Amino acid sequence: MGNRYMSQFQYTLEKYTVTLFGSVVIGVAGAVALVKGGGIAGVTKVGTGLYEFEFEDSWSRLLHVSAGIVSASAPGIASAYVKENPSALQADVKADKKFKIEALDFSGAASNPPAGCVISFVVVFRKSSYGPFDE
């Protein structure tokens, strides 16, 4: 489980939540140029518009992910989403501390964000193995 000292008292019905914030600066041809954010082991480009996020710690449950593209001009990217099998997501993230985010253009095809864009993301994990809303 997460082994760092975290700021206390986030008011939620979930037990022991941890929120990680970060950003990925995109370089030439969609390559990862810079990763910022605590708790992030690394981000690797693994395909066209597809990025694998790895976290430093193992967590009991992934509660939420949101990602968006930040750009000074229209980047041609419509959205970014978590590309994982929904039925295996929790077990996979717990086992290997990774998931993928894919960027899509306006036609719905995977597309590399242009150089200079930033993928800004928020991830919420639960440290506790007990949760009132487990499936």
Protein backbone atom coordinates (compact mmCIF):
# COMPACT_ATOMS: atom_id res chain seq x y z
CA MET A 1 0.00 0.00 0.00
CA GLY A 2 1.01 3.61 -0.31
CA ASN A 3 3.95 4.17 2.02
CA ARG A 4 4.38 7.93 1.98
CA TYR A 5 3.23 10.45 4.52
CA MET A 6 0.14 12.00 2.96
CA SER A 7 -1.66 15.16 3.99
CA GLN A 8 -4.53 14.20 6.23
CA PHE A 9 -8.27 14.60 6.15
CA GLN A 10 -9.90 14.52 2.80
CA TYR A 11 -13.62 14.37 3.50
CA THR A 12 -15.05 11.36 1.71
CA LEU A 13 -17.06 8.24 2.43
CA GLU A 14 -14.15 6.12 1.15
CA LYS A 15 -11.46 5.12 3.65
CA TYR A 16 -7.93 6.52 3.32
CA THR A 17 -8.03 8.11 -0.10
CA VAL A 18 -4.99 9.52 -1.86
CA THR A 19 -5.24 11.99 -4.74
CA LEU A 20 -2.31 12.32 -7.14
CA PHE A 21 -2.02 15.24 -9.53
CA GLY A 22 0.37 15.41 -12.43
CA SER A 23 1.18 16.44 -15.95
CA VAL A 24 2.98 15.03 -18.98
CA VAL A 25 4.60 17.43 -21.42
CA ILE A 26 4.41 16.09 -24.97
CA GLY A 27 7.41 16.38 -27.28
CA VAL A 28 8.03 15.65 -30.96
CA ALA A 29 5.90 12.86 -32.50
CA GLY A 30 3.91 12.49 -29.29
CA ALA A 31 6.94 11.44 -27.23
CA VAL A 32 6.98 12.01 -23.47
CA ALA A 33 9.24 15.01 -22.82
CA LEU A 34 8.68 15.62 -19.10
CA VAL A 35 6.58 14.12 -16.30
CA LYS A 36 5.64 16.08 -13.18
CA GLY A 37 3.77 14.86 -10.12
CA GLY A 38 4.37 13.03 -6.87
CA GLY A 39 3.84 9.28 -6.74
CA ILE A 40 4.40 8.82 -10.48
CA ALA A 41 7.17 6.33 -11.36
CA GLY A 42 6.98 7.21 -15.04
CA VAL A 43 4.95 7.65 -18.20
CA THR A 44 5.89 5.84 -21.41
CA LYS A 45 4.49 6.24 -24.92
CA VAL A 46 3.50 2.73 -26.03
CA GLY A 47 1.58 3.47 -29.24
CA THR A 48 -0.02 6.23 -31.28
CA GLY A 49 -1.57 8.53 -28.68
CA LEU A 50 -1.26 5.77 -26.07
CA TYR A 51 0.59 6.41 -22.81
CA GLU A 52 1.28 3.97 -19.99
CA PHE A 53 1.28 5.49 -16.51
CA GLU A 54 3.18 3.70 -13.75
CA PHE A 55 2.86 4.60 -10.08
CA GLU A 56 5.49 4.28 -7.36
CA ASP A 57 3.19 2.56 -4.88
CA SER A 58 0.66 -0.23 -4.95
CA TRP A 59 -2.89 0.74 -3.93
CA SER A 60 -5.93 -1.25 -2.84
CA ARG A 61 -8.32 0.33 -5.32
CA LEU A 62 -8.39 2.83 -8.17
CA LEU A 63 -11.32 5.17 -7.50
CA HIS A 64 -11.09 7.79 -10.26
CA VAL A 65 -9.01 8.97 -13.21
CA SER A 66 -9.48 12.11 -15.24
CA ALA A 67 -7.19 13.46 -17.92
CA GLY A 68 -7.33 16.36 -20.31
CA ILE A 69 -5.19 18.07 -22.92
CA VAL A 70 -3.88 21.56 -22.17
CA SER A 71 -2.80 23.61 -25.18
CA ALA A 72 -2.48 27.25 -26.25
CA SER A 73 -4.18 26.46 -29.57
CA ALA A 74 -6.60 23.81 -30.84
CA PRO A 75 -4.50 20.62 -30.63
CA GLY A 76 -6.75 18.37 -32.73
CA ILE A 77 -7.32 16.12 -29.72
CA ALA A 78 -10.93 15.68 -28.63
CA SER A 79 -10.46 13.59 -25.50
CA ALA A 80 -8.22 11.38 -23.41
CA TYR A 81 -9.57 8.26 -21.72
CA VAL A 82 -8.40 5.22 -19.73
CA LYS A 83 -7.87 2.37 -22.18
CA GLU A 84 -8.18 -0.80 -20.11
CA ASN A 85 -10.53 -3.77 -19.83
CA PRO A 86 -13.10 -2.57 -17.26
CA SER A 87 -13.54 -6.01 -15.68
CA ALA A 88 -9.78 -6.40 -15.11
CA LEU A 89 -8.81 -2.78 -14.36
CA GLN A 90 -8.77 -3.03 -10.55
CA ALA A 91 -6.81 -6.28 -10.44
CA ASP A 92 -4.36 -5.08 -13.11
CA VAL A 93 -3.64 -1.73 -11.43
CA LYS A 94 -3.20 -3.44 -8.07
CA ALA A 95 -0.83 -6.05 -9.55
CA ASP A 96 1.43 -3.94 -11.78
CA LYS A 97 0.68 -0.33 -10.68
CA LYS A 98 -0.02 0.69 -14.31
CA PHE A 99 -2.81 1.78 -16.64
CA LYS A 100 -2.97 3.41 -20.06
CA ILE A 101 -4.49 6.68 -21.23
CA GLU A 102 -5.22 7.17 -24.94
CA ALA A 103 -5.69 10.47 -26.78
CA LEU A 104 -8.34 10.58 -29.52
CA ASP A 105 -8.85 13.03 -32.36
CA PHE A 106 -12.28 14.35 -33.35
CA SER A 107 -12.98 11.34 -35.59
CA GLY A 108 -12.39 8.96 -32.65
CA ALA A 109 -9.03 7.66 -33.87
CA ALA A 110 -5.95 7.40 -31.65
CA SER A 111 -3.76 10.41 -32.28
CA ASN A 112 -0.54 11.84 -30.89
CA PRO A 113 -0.99 15.20 -29.18
CA PRO A 114 1.16 17.89 -30.84
CA ALA A 115 4.50 18.89 -29.34
CA GLY A 116 4.10 21.37 -26.51
CA CYS A 117 0.73 20.05 -25.34
CA VAL A 118 0.34 18.84 -21.79
CA ILE A 119 -1.73 15.91 -20.54
CA SER A 120 -2.98 17.02 -17.15
CA PHE A 121 -4.33 14.25 -14.91
CA VAL A 122 -5.84 13.47 -11.51
CA VAL A 123 -5.89 9.96 -10.06
CA VAL A 124 -7.62 8.95 -6.83
CA PHE A 125 -6.65 5.74 -5.05
CA ARG A 126 -7.78 4.09 -1.83
CA LYS A 127 -5.08 2.87 0.55
CA SER A 128 -7.39 0.77 2.70
CA SER A 129 -8.39 -2.75 1.73
CA TYR A 130 -11.83 -2.03 3.21
CA GLY A 131 -14.31 0.14 1.41
CA PRO A 132 -18.04 0.64 1.82
CA PHE A 133 -18.68 0.61 -1.93
CA ASP A 134 -16.73 -2.43 -3.15
CA GLU A 135 -18.31 -4.51 -5.85
